[in-house]
All heavy atoms as atom14 arrays in JSON, in Angstrom:
{
  "sequence": "RDLLGTKLEAKEVLLSAALQTYEELIQRMLKELPGDESADVRAD",
  "atom14_mask": [
    [1, 1, 1, 1, 1, 1, 1, 1, 1, 1, 1, 0, 0, 0],
    [1, 1, 1, 1, 1, 1, 1, 1, 0, 0, 0, 0, 0, 0],
    [1, 1, 1, 1, 1, 1, 1, 1, 0, 0, 0, 0, 0, 0],
    [1, 1, 1, 1, 1, 1, 1, 1, 0, 0, 0, 0, 0, 0],
    [1, 1, 1, 1, 0, 0, 0, 0, 0, 0, 0, 0, 0, 0],
    [1, 1, 1, 1, 1, 1, 1, 0, 0, 0, 0, 0, 0, 0],
    [1, 1, 1, 1, 1, 1, 1, 1, 1, 0, 0, 0, 0, 0],
    [1, 1, 1, 1, 1, 1, 1, 1, 0, 0, 0, 0, 0, 0],
    [1, 1, 1, 1, 1, 1, 1, 1, 1, 0, 0, 0, 0, 0],
    [1, 1, 1, 1, 1, 0, 0, 0, 0, 0, 0, 0, 0, 0],
    [1, 1, 1, 1, 1, 1, 1, 1, 1, 0, 0, 0, 0, 0],
    [1, 1, 1, 1, 1, 1, 1, 1, 1, 0, 0, 0, 0, 0],
    [1, 1, 1, 1, 1, 1, 1, 0, 0, 0, 0, 0, 0, 0],
    [1, 1, 1, 1, 1, 1, 1, 1, 0, 0, 0, 0, 0, 0],
    [1, 1, 1, 1, 1, 1, 1, 1, 0, 0, 0, 0, 0, 0],
    [1, 1, 1, 1, 1, 1, 0, 0, 0, 0, 0, 0, 0, 0],
    [1, 1, 1, 1, 1, 0, 0, 0, 0, 0, 0, 0, 0, 0],
    [1, 1, 1, 1, 1, 0, 0, 0, 0, 0, 0, 0, 0, 0],
    [1, 1, 1, 1, 1, 1, 1, 1, 0, 0, 0, 0, 0, 0],
    [1, 1, 1, 1, 1, 1, 1, 1, 1, 0, 0, 0, 0, 0],
    [1, 1, 1, 1, 1, 1, 1, 0, 0, 0, 0, 0, 0, 0],
    [1, 1, 1, 1, 1, 1, 1, 1, 1, 1, 1, 1, 0, 0],
    [1, 1, 1, 1, 1, 1, 1, 1, 1, 0, 0, 0, 0, 0],
    [1, 1, 1, 1, 1, 1, 1, 1, 1, 0, 0, 0, 0, 0],
    [1, 1, 1, 1, 1, 1, 1, 1, 0, 0, 0, 0, 0, 0],
    [1, 1, 1, 1, 1, 1, 1, 1, 0, 0, 0, 0, 0, 0],
    [1, 1, 1, 1, 1, 1, 1, 1, 1, 0, 0, 0, 0, 0],
    [1, 1, 1, 1, 1, 1, 1, 1, 1, 1, 1, 0, 0, 0],
    [1, 1, 1, 1, 1, 1, 1, 1, 0, 0, 0, 0, 0, 0],
    [1, 1, 1, 1, 1, 1, 1, 1, 0, 0, 0, 0, 0, 0],
    [1, 1, 1, 1, 1, 1, 1, 1, 1, 0, 0, 0, 0, 0],
    [1, 1, 1, 1, 1, 1, 1, 1, 1, 0, 0, 0, 0, 0],
    [1, 1, 1, 1, 1, 1, 1, 1, 0, 0, 0, 0, 0, 0],
    [1, 1, 1, 1, 1, 1, 1, 0, 0, 0, 0, 0, 0, 0],
    [1, 1, 1, 1, 0, 0, 0, 0, 0, 0, 0, 0, 0, 0],
    [1, 1, 1, 1, 1, 1, 1, 1, 0, 0, 0, 0, 0, 0],
    [1, 1, 1, 1, 1, 1, 1, 1, 1, 0, 0, 0, 0, 0],
    [1, 1, 1, 1, 1, 1, 0, 0, 0, 0, 0, 0, 0, 0],
    [1, 1, 1, 1, 1, 0, 0, 0, 0, 0, 0, 0, 0, 0],
    [1, 1, 1, 1, 1, 1, 1, 1, 0, 0, 0, 0, 0, 0],
    [1, 1, 1, 1, 1, 1, 1, 0, 0, 0, 0, 0, 0, 0],
    [1, 1, 1, 1, 1, 1, 1, 1, 1, 1, 1, 0, 0, 0],
    [1, 1, 1, 1, 1, 0, 0, 0, 0, 0, 0, 0, 0, 0],
    [1, 1, 1, 1, 1, 1, 1, 1, 0, 0, 0, 0, 0, 0]
  ],
  "atom14_positions": [
    [[111.24, 148.97, 53.21], [110.94, 148.95, 51.78], [109.8, 147.99, 51.47], [109.2, 148.06, 50.4], [112.18, 148.55, 50.98], [113.24, 149.62, 51.01], [114.46, 149.18, 50.22], [115.53, 150.13, 50.38], [115.99, 150.87, 49.38], [115.48, 150.74, 48.18], [116.96, 151.72, 49.6], [0.0, 0.0, 0.0], [0.0, 0.0, 0.0], [0.0, 0.0, 0.0]],
    [[109.51, 147.08, 52.38], [108.41, 146.13, 52.18], [107.09, 146.86, 51.98], [106.24, 146.43, 51.21], [108.28, 145.17, 53.36], [109.49, 144.25, 53.48], [110.23, 144.11, 52.48], [109.68, 143.68, 54.56], [0.0, 0.0, 0.0], [0.0, 0.0, 0.0], [0.0, 0.0, 0.0], [0.0, 0.0, 0.0], [0.0, 0.0, 0.0], [0.0, 0.0, 0.0]],
    [[106.9, 147.96, 52.69], [105.66, 148.72, 52.59], [105.48, 149.33, 51.21], [104.36, 149.61, 50.79], [105.62, 149.82, 53.64], [105.55, 149.36, 55.09], [105.68, 150.55, 56.03], [104.26, 148.62, 55.35], [0.0, 0.0, 0.0], [0.0, 0.0, 0.0], [0.0, 0.0, 0.0], [0.0, 0.0, 0.0], [0.0, 0.0, 0.0], [0.0, 0.0, 0.0]],
    [[106.57, 149.53, 50.5], [106.48, 150.18, 49.19], [106.1, 149.2, 48.08], [105.96, 149.58, 46.94], [107.79, 150.87, 48.86], [108.17, 152.0, 49.81], [109.49, 152.62, 49.41], [107.08, 153.06, 49.85], [0.0, 0.0, 0.0], [0.0, 0.0, 0.0], [0.0, 0.0, 0.0], [0.0, 0.0, 0.0], [0.0, 0.0, 0.0], [0.0, 0.0, 0.0]],
    [[105.9, 147.93, 48.43], [105.48, 146.95, 47.45], [103.97, 146.95, 47.24], [103.42, 146.0, 46.72], [0.0, 0.0, 0.0], [0.0, 0.0, 0.0], [0.0, 0.0, 0.0], [0.0, 0.0, 0.0], [0.0, 0.0, 0.0], [0.0, 0.0, 0.0], [0.0, 0.0, 0.0], [0.0, 0.0, 0.0], [0.0, 0.0, 0.0], [0.0, 0.0, 0.0]],
    [[103.32, 148.02, 47.65], [101.87, 148.1, 47.55], [101.47, 148.79, 46.26], [102.32, 149.19, 45.47], [101.31, 148.89, 48.75], [101.87, 150.2, 48.73], [101.66, 148.22, 50.06], [0.0, 0.0, 0.0], [0.0, 0.0, 0.0], [0.0, 0.0, 0.0], [0.0, 0.0, 0.0], [0.0, 0.0, 0.0], [0.0, 0.0, 0.0], [0.0, 0.0, 0.0]],
    [[100.17, 148.96, 46.06], [99.67, 149.65, 44.87], [100.12, 151.11, 44.88], [100.46, 151.66, 45.93], [98.16, 149.57, 44.81], [97.68, 148.16, 44.59], [96.19, 148.12, 44.38], [95.8, 146.69, 44.1], [94.42, 146.57, 43.73], [0.0, 0.0, 0.0], [0.0, 0.0, 0.0], [0.0, 0.0, 0.0], [0.0, 0.0, 0.0], [0.0, 0.0, 0.0]],
    [[100.1, 151.73, 43.73], [100.61, 153.08, 43.56], [100.0, 154.08, 44.54], [100.71, 154.86, 45.16], [100.38, 153.56, 42.12], [100.89, 154.96, 41.8], [102.39, 155.04, 41.99], [100.51, 155.35, 40.4], [0.0, 0.0, 0.0], [0.0, 0.0, 0.0], [0.0, 0.0, 0.0], [0.0, 0.0, 0.0], [0.0, 0.0, 0.0], [0.0, 0.0, 0.0]],
    [[98.68, 154.04, 44.71], [98.03, 155.01, 45.58], [98.52, 154.86, 47.02], [98.81, 155.84, 47.69], [96.5, 154.86, 45.55], [95.88, 155.18, 44.22], [95.87, 154.0, 43.25], [96.29, 152.89, 43.64], [95.47, 154.2, 42.09], [0.0, 0.0, 0.0], [0.0, 0.0, 0.0], [0.0, 0.0, 0.0], [0.0, 0.0, 0.0], [0.0, 0.0, 0.0]],
    [[98.63, 153.64, 47.49], [99.11, 153.39, 48.84], [100.58, 153.78, 48.97], [100.99, 154.35, 49.98], [98.91, 151.93, 49.22], [0.0, 0.0, 0.0], [0.0, 0.0, 0.0], [0.0, 0.0, 0.0], [0.0, 0.0, 0.0], [0.0, 0.0, 0.0], [0.0, 0.0, 0.0], [0.0, 0.0, 0.0], [0.0, 0.0, 0.0], [0.0, 0.0, 0.0]],
    [[101.35, 153.5, 47.93], [102.78, 153.85, 47.94], [102.95, 155.36, 48.06], [103.81, 155.84, 48.79], [103.44, 153.34, 46.67], [104.95, 153.55, 46.64], [105.56, 153.14, 45.32], [105.62, 151.66, 45.21], [106.43, 151.21, 44.06], [0.0, 0.0, 0.0], [0.0, 0.0, 0.0], [0.0, 0.0, 0.0], [0.0, 0.0, 0.0], [0.0, 0.0, 0.0]],
    [[102.12, 156.11, 47.34], [102.21, 157.57, 47.4], [101.92, 158.08, 48.81], [102.59, 158.98, 49.29], [101.24, 158.2, 46.4], [101.66, 158.04, 44.97], [100.61, 158.51, 43.98], [99.41, 158.53, 44.33], [100.99, 158.85, 42.85], [0.0, 0.0, 0.0], [0.0, 0.0, 0.0], [0.0, 0.0, 0.0], [0.0, 0.0, 0.0], [0.0, 0.0, 0.0]],
    [[100.93, 157.49, 49.47], [100.6, 157.91, 50.84], [101.75, 157.56, 51.78], [102.14, 158.37, 52.62], [99.27, 157.27, 51.31], [99.03, 157.54, 52.78], [98.12, 157.79, 50.47], [0.0, 0.0, 0.0], [0.0, 0.0, 0.0], [0.0, 0.0, 0.0], [0.0, 0.0, 0.0], [0.0, 0.0, 0.0], [0.0, 0.0, 0.0], [0.0, 0.0, 0.0]],
    [[102.31, 156.37, 51.63], [103.44, 155.96, 52.47], [104.65, 156.86, 52.26], [105.31, 157.26, 53.21], [103.81, 154.5, 52.2], [102.8, 153.47, 52.68], [103.11, 152.1, 52.11], [102.77, 153.41, 54.2], [0.0, 0.0, 0.0], [0.0, 0.0, 0.0], [0.0, 0.0, 0.0], [0.0, 0.0, 0.0], [0.0, 0.0, 0.0], [0.0, 0.0, 0.0]],
    [[104.93, 157.18, 51.02], [106.07, 158.07, 50.73], [105.82, 159.47, 51.29], [106.74, 160.11, 51.81], [106.33, 158.13, 49.23], [106.97, 156.86, 48.65], [106.97, 156.92, 47.13], [108.37, 156.67, 49.19], [0.0, 0.0, 0.0], [0.0, 0.0, 0.0], [0.0, 0.0, 0.0], [0.0, 0.0, 0.0], [0.0, 0.0, 0.0], [0.0, 0.0, 0.0]],
    [[104.6, 159.94, 51.19], [104.26, 161.24, 51.76], [104.49, 161.24, 53.28], [105.06, 162.17, 53.83], [102.81, 161.59, 51.44], [102.45, 162.81, 52.03], [0.0, 0.0, 0.0], [0.0, 0.0, 0.0], [0.0, 0.0, 0.0], [0.0, 0.0, 0.0], [0.0, 0.0, 0.0], [0.0, 0.0, 0.0], [0.0, 0.0, 0.0], [0.0, 0.0, 0.0]],
    [[104.06, 160.15, 53.93], [104.27, 160.04, 55.38], [105.76, 159.97, 55.72], [106.22, 160.59, 56.69], [103.55, 158.81, 55.92], [0.0, 0.0, 0.0], [0.0, 0.0, 0.0], [0.0, 0.0, 0.0], [0.0, 0.0, 0.0], [0.0, 0.0, 0.0], [0.0, 0.0, 0.0], [0.0, 0.0, 0.0], [0.0, 0.0, 0.0], [0.0, 0.0, 0.0]],
    [[106.52, 159.25, 54.92], [107.96, 159.16, 55.15], [108.62, 160.53, 54.98], [109.45, 160.93, 55.8], [108.59, 158.14, 54.21], [0.0, 0.0, 0.0], [0.0, 0.0, 0.0], [0.0, 0.0, 0.0], [0.0, 0.0, 0.0], [0.0, 0.0, 0.0], [0.0, 0.0, 0.0], [0.0, 0.0, 0.0], [0.0, 0.0, 0.0], [0.0, 0.0, 0.0]],
    [[108.24, 161.26, 53.93], [108.8, 162.6, 53.73], [108.43, 163.54, 54.86], [109.24, 164.36, 55.3], [108.33, 163.18, 52.38], [108.96, 162.53, 51.15], [108.25, 163.03, 49.89], [110.45, 162.8, 51.08], [0.0, 0.0, 0.0], [0.0, 0.0, 0.0], [0.0, 0.0, 0.0], [0.0, 0.0, 0.0], [0.0, 0.0, 0.0], [0.0, 0.0, 0.0]],
    [[107.2, 163.42, 55.35], [106.76, 164.23, 56.48], [107.62, 163.91, 57.71], [108.05, 164.82, 58.44], [105.3, 163.95, 56.78], [104.71, 164.79, 57.88], [103.22, 164.47, 58.07], [102.72, 163.44, 57.63], [102.53, 165.37, 58.73], [0.0, 0.0, 0.0], [0.0, 0.0, 0.0], [0.0, 0.0, 0.0], [0.0, 0.0, 0.0], [0.0, 0.0, 0.0]],
    [[107.91, 162.65, 57.92], [108.75, 162.24, 59.05], [110.17, 162.77, 58.88], [110.78, 163.25, 59.84], [108.75, 160.7, 59.18], [107.4, 160.26, 59.3], [109.55, 160.25, 60.38], [0.0, 0.0, 0.0], [0.0, 0.0, 0.0], [0.0, 0.0, 0.0], [0.0, 0.0, 0.0], [0.0, 0.0, 0.0], [0.0, 0.0, 0.0], [0.0, 0.0, 0.0]],
    [[110.7, 162.69, 57.65], [112.03, 163.25, 57.4], [112.07, 164.74, 57.69], [113.03, 165.26, 58.25], [112.47, 162.99, 55.96], [113.15, 161.67, 55.78], [112.55, 160.66, 55.05], [114.4, 161.41, 56.34], [113.16, 159.44, 54.89], [115.01, 160.2, 56.18], [114.4, 159.21, 55.45], [115.01, 158.0, 55.29], [0.0, 0.0, 0.0], [0.0, 0.0, 0.0]],
    [[111.02, 165.43, 57.3], [110.95, 166.86, 57.57], [111.04, 167.13, 59.07], [111.8, 168.0, 59.52], [109.66, 167.43, 56.99], [109.6, 168.93, 57.01], [108.37, 169.47, 56.29], [107.83, 168.79, 55.4], [107.96, 170.59, 56.64], [0.0, 0.0, 0.0], [0.0, 0.0, 0.0], [0.0, 0.0, 0.0], [0.0, 0.0, 0.0], [0.0, 0.0, 0.0]],
    [[110.28, 166.36, 59.85], [110.31, 166.53, 61.31], [111.68, 166.17, 61.88], [112.19, 166.86, 62.78], [109.23, 165.67, 61.95], [107.82, 166.15, 61.62], [106.74, 165.17, 62.07], [107.03, 164.26, 62.89], [105.6, 165.31, 61.6], [0.0, 0.0, 0.0], [0.0, 0.0, 0.0], [0.0, 0.0, 0.0], [0.0, 0.0, 0.0], [0.0, 0.0, 0.0]],
    [[112.27, 165.08, 61.38], [113.59, 164.66, 61.86], [114.65, 165.73, 61.6], [115.44, 166.07, 62.49], [114.03, 163.36, 61.17], [113.37, 162.07, 61.6], [113.68, 160.95, 60.62], [113.83, 161.69, 62.99], [0.0, 0.0, 0.0], [0.0, 0.0, 0.0], [0.0, 0.0, 0.0], [0.0, 0.0, 0.0], [0.0, 0.0, 0.0], [0.0, 0.0, 0.0]],
    [[114.66, 166.25, 60.39], [115.68, 167.25, 60.02], [115.45, 168.54, 60.79], [116.41, 169.18, 61.24], [115.69, 167.47, 58.5], [116.11, 166.17, 57.8], [116.63, 168.6, 58.12], [115.88, 166.16, 56.31], [0.0, 0.0, 0.0], [0.0, 0.0, 0.0], [0.0, 0.0, 0.0], [0.0, 0.0, 0.0], [0.0, 0.0, 0.0], [0.0, 0.0, 0.0]],
    [[114.19, 168.94, 60.98], [113.91, 170.13, 61.78], [114.42, 169.96, 63.2], [115.01, 170.88, 63.78], [112.42, 170.45, 61.78], [111.94, 171.02, 60.48], [110.43, 171.16, 60.41], [109.68, 170.51, 61.15], [109.97, 172.01, 59.5], [0.0, 0.0, 0.0], [0.0, 0.0, 0.0], [0.0, 0.0, 0.0], [0.0, 0.0, 0.0], [0.0, 0.0, 0.0]],
    [[114.23, 168.77, 63.77], [114.72, 168.49, 65.12], [116.24, 168.51, 65.15], [116.85, 169.02, 66.07], [114.18, 167.12, 65.57], [114.68, 166.61, 66.89], [114.02, 167.23, 68.12], [112.59, 167.26, 68.1], [111.79, 166.37, 68.68], [112.29, 165.34, 69.3], [110.49, 166.53, 68.63], [0.0, 0.0, 0.0], [0.0, 0.0, 0.0], [0.0, 0.0, 0.0]],
    [[116.87, 167.95, 64.12], [118.34, 167.96, 64.04], [118.86, 169.38, 63.99], [119.85, 169.72, 64.66], [118.81, 167.16, 62.83], [118.54, 165.67, 62.94], [118.75, 164.8, 61.37], [120.52, 164.65, 61.32], [0.0, 0.0, 0.0], [0.0, 0.0, 0.0], [0.0, 0.0, 0.0], [0.0, 0.0, 0.0], [0.0, 0.0, 0.0], [0.0, 0.0, 0.0]],
    [[118.21, 170.23, 63.21], [118.62, 171.64, 63.14], [118.45, 172.34, 64.48], [119.31, 173.1, 64.91], [117.79, 172.38, 62.07], [118.31, 172.3, 60.65], [117.25, 172.78, 59.68], [119.59, 173.08, 60.5], [0.0, 0.0, 0.0], [0.0, 0.0, 0.0], [0.0, 0.0, 0.0], [0.0, 0.0, 0.0], [0.0, 0.0, 0.0], [0.0, 0.0, 0.0]],
    [[117.32, 172.06, 65.13], [117.02, 172.69, 66.41], [118.03, 172.27, 67.49], [118.43, 173.08, 68.32], [115.6, 172.28, 66.84], [115.08, 172.98, 68.05], [113.64, 172.53, 68.31], [113.06, 173.21, 69.52], [111.69, 172.74, 69.77], [0.0, 0.0, 0.0], [0.0, 0.0, 0.0], [0.0, 0.0, 0.0], [0.0, 0.0, 0.0], [0.0, 0.0, 0.0]],
    [[118.43, 171.0, 67.46], [119.33, 170.48, 68.48], [120.8, 170.62, 68.13], [121.65, 170.2, 68.9], [118.99, 169.01, 68.76], [117.62, 168.85, 69.38], [117.22, 167.39, 69.57], [117.99, 166.49, 69.16], [116.14, 167.17, 70.14], [0.0, 0.0, 0.0], [0.0, 0.0, 0.0], [0.0, 0.0, 0.0], [0.0, 0.0, 0.0], [0.0, 0.0, 0.0]],
    [[121.09, 171.19, 66.98], [122.49, 171.37, 66.57], [123.14, 172.4, 67.47], [122.65, 173.53, 67.58], [122.52, 171.83, 65.11], [123.84, 171.75, 64.38], [124.29, 170.3, 64.25], [123.71, 172.37, 63.0], [0.0, 0.0, 0.0], [0.0, 0.0, 0.0], [0.0, 0.0, 0.0], [0.0, 0.0, 0.0], [0.0, 0.0, 0.0], [0.0, 0.0, 0.0]],
    [[124.22, 172.02, 68.15], [124.89, 172.99, 69.03], [125.38, 174.2, 68.25], [125.72, 174.09, 67.06], [126.07, 172.21, 69.6], [125.78, 170.77, 69.34], [124.88, 170.73, 68.15], [0.0, 0.0, 0.0], [0.0, 0.0, 0.0], [0.0, 0.0, 0.0], [0.0, 0.0, 0.0], [0.0, 0.0, 0.0], [0.0, 0.0, 0.0], [0.0, 0.0, 0.0]],
    [[125.4, 175.32, 68.9], [125.8, 176.57, 68.26], [127.23, 176.54, 67.77], [127.59, 177.23, 66.83], [0.0, 0.0, 0.0], [0.0, 0.0, 0.0], [0.0, 0.0, 0.0], [0.0, 0.0, 0.0], [0.0, 0.0, 0.0], [0.0, 0.0, 0.0], [0.0, 0.0, 0.0], [0.0, 0.0, 0.0], [0.0, 0.0, 0.0], [0.0, 0.0, 0.0]],
    [[128.07, 175.7, 68.41], [129.48, 175.66, 68.02], [129.74, 174.67, 66.88], [130.86, 174.53, 66.44], [130.36, 175.31, 69.22], [130.01, 173.97, 69.82], [128.93, 173.46, 69.53], [130.85, 173.43, 70.58], [0.0, 0.0, 0.0], [0.0, 0.0, 0.0], [0.0, 0.0, 0.0], [0.0, 0.0, 0.0], [0.0, 0.0, 0.0], [0.0, 0.0, 0.0]],
    [[128.7, 173.98, 66.41], [128.87, 173.08, 65.27], [129.19, 173.9, 64.02], [128.86, 175.08, 63.93], [127.59, 172.27, 65.03], [127.34, 171.2, 66.04], [128.27, 169.99, 65.87], [128.8, 169.76, 64.77], [128.44, 169.29, 66.87], [0.0, 0.0, 0.0], [0.0, 0.0, 0.0], [0.0, 0.0, 0.0], [0.0, 0.0, 0.0], [0.0, 0.0, 0.0]],
    [[129.77, 173.24, 63.05], [130.16, 173.97, 61.84], [128.95, 174.51, 61.1], [127.88, 173.9, 61.09], [130.99, 173.06, 60.93], [130.16, 172.13, 60.29], [0.0, 0.0, 0.0], [0.0, 0.0, 0.0], [0.0, 0.0, 0.0], [0.0, 0.0, 0.0], [0.0, 0.0, 0.0], [0.0, 0.0, 0.0], [0.0, 0.0, 0.0], [0.0, 0.0, 0.0]],
    [[129.15, 175.62, 60.47], [128.09, 176.24, 59.67], [127.75, 175.37, 58.47], [126.63, 175.4, 57.97], [128.53, 177.63, 59.22], [0.0, 0.0, 0.0], [0.0, 0.0, 0.0], [0.0, 0.0, 0.0], [0.0, 0.0, 0.0], [0.0, 0.0, 0.0], [0.0, 0.0, 0.0], [0.0, 0.0, 0.0], [0.0, 0.0, 0.0], [0.0, 0.0, 0.0]],
    [[128.72, 174.55, 58.03], [128.48, 173.67, 56.89], [127.4, 172.65, 57.19], [126.55, 172.36, 56.35], [129.77, 172.94, 56.49], [130.81, 173.89, 55.89], [130.42, 175.0, 55.48], [131.98, 173.49, 55.82], [0.0, 0.0, 0.0], [0.0, 0.0, 0.0], [0.0, 0.0, 0.0], [0.0, 0.0, 0.0], [0.0, 0.0, 0.0], [0.0, 0.0, 0.0]],
    [[127.42, 172.09, 58.4], [126.43, 171.09, 58.78], [125.05, 171.73, 58.81], [124.08, 171.17, 58.29], [126.77, 170.45, 60.14], [125.64, 169.55, 60.63], [128.07, 169.68, 60.05], [0.0, 0.0, 0.0], [0.0, 0.0, 0.0], [0.0, 0.0, 0.0], [0.0, 0.0, 0.0], [0.0, 0.0, 0.0], [0.0, 0.0, 0.0], [0.0, 0.0, 0.0]],
    [[124.95, 172.92, 59.38], [123.67, 173.63, 59.42], [123.18, 173.93, 58.0], [122.0, 173.75, 57.69], [123.8, 174.92, 60.23], [122.48, 175.66, 60.41], [122.59, 176.83, 61.38], [122.95, 176.41, 62.72], [122.11, 175.86, 63.6], [120.85, 175.67, 63.27], [122.53, 175.51, 64.79], [0.0, 0.0, 0.0], [0.0, 0.0, 0.0], [0.0, 0.0, 0.0]],
    [[124.08, 174.37, 57.15], [123.71, 174.68, 55.76], [123.26, 173.42, 55.03], [122.28, 173.44, 54.28], [124.88, 175.34, 55.04], [0.0, 0.0, 0.0], [0.0, 0.0, 0.0], [0.0, 0.0, 0.0], [0.0, 0.0, 0.0], [0.0, 0.0, 0.0], [0.0, 0.0, 0.0], [0.0, 0.0, 0.0], [0.0, 0.0, 0.0], [0.0, 0.0, 0.0]],
    [[123.97, 172.31, 55.25], [123.6, 171.05, 54.61], [122.23, 170.57, 55.08], [121.39, 170.16, 54.27], [124.65, 169.97, 54.89], [125.94, 170.17, 54.09], [125.94, 171.02, 53.17], [126.92, 169.46, 54.38], [0.0, 0.0, 0.0], [0.0, 0.0, 0.0], [0.0, 0.0, 0.0], [0.0, 0.0, 0.0], [0.0, 0.0, 0.0], [0.0, 0.0, 0.0]]
  ]
}
């Protein structure tokens, strides 16, 4: 959260990078989710 104490323009870039990272993380989680895991987890 320390990085978010910057000016608005820099904060927007940092948040964009964080969201991009979350997108990659969640895609990897979906990809690595075993087939026998609950459908609820995949849907979530």
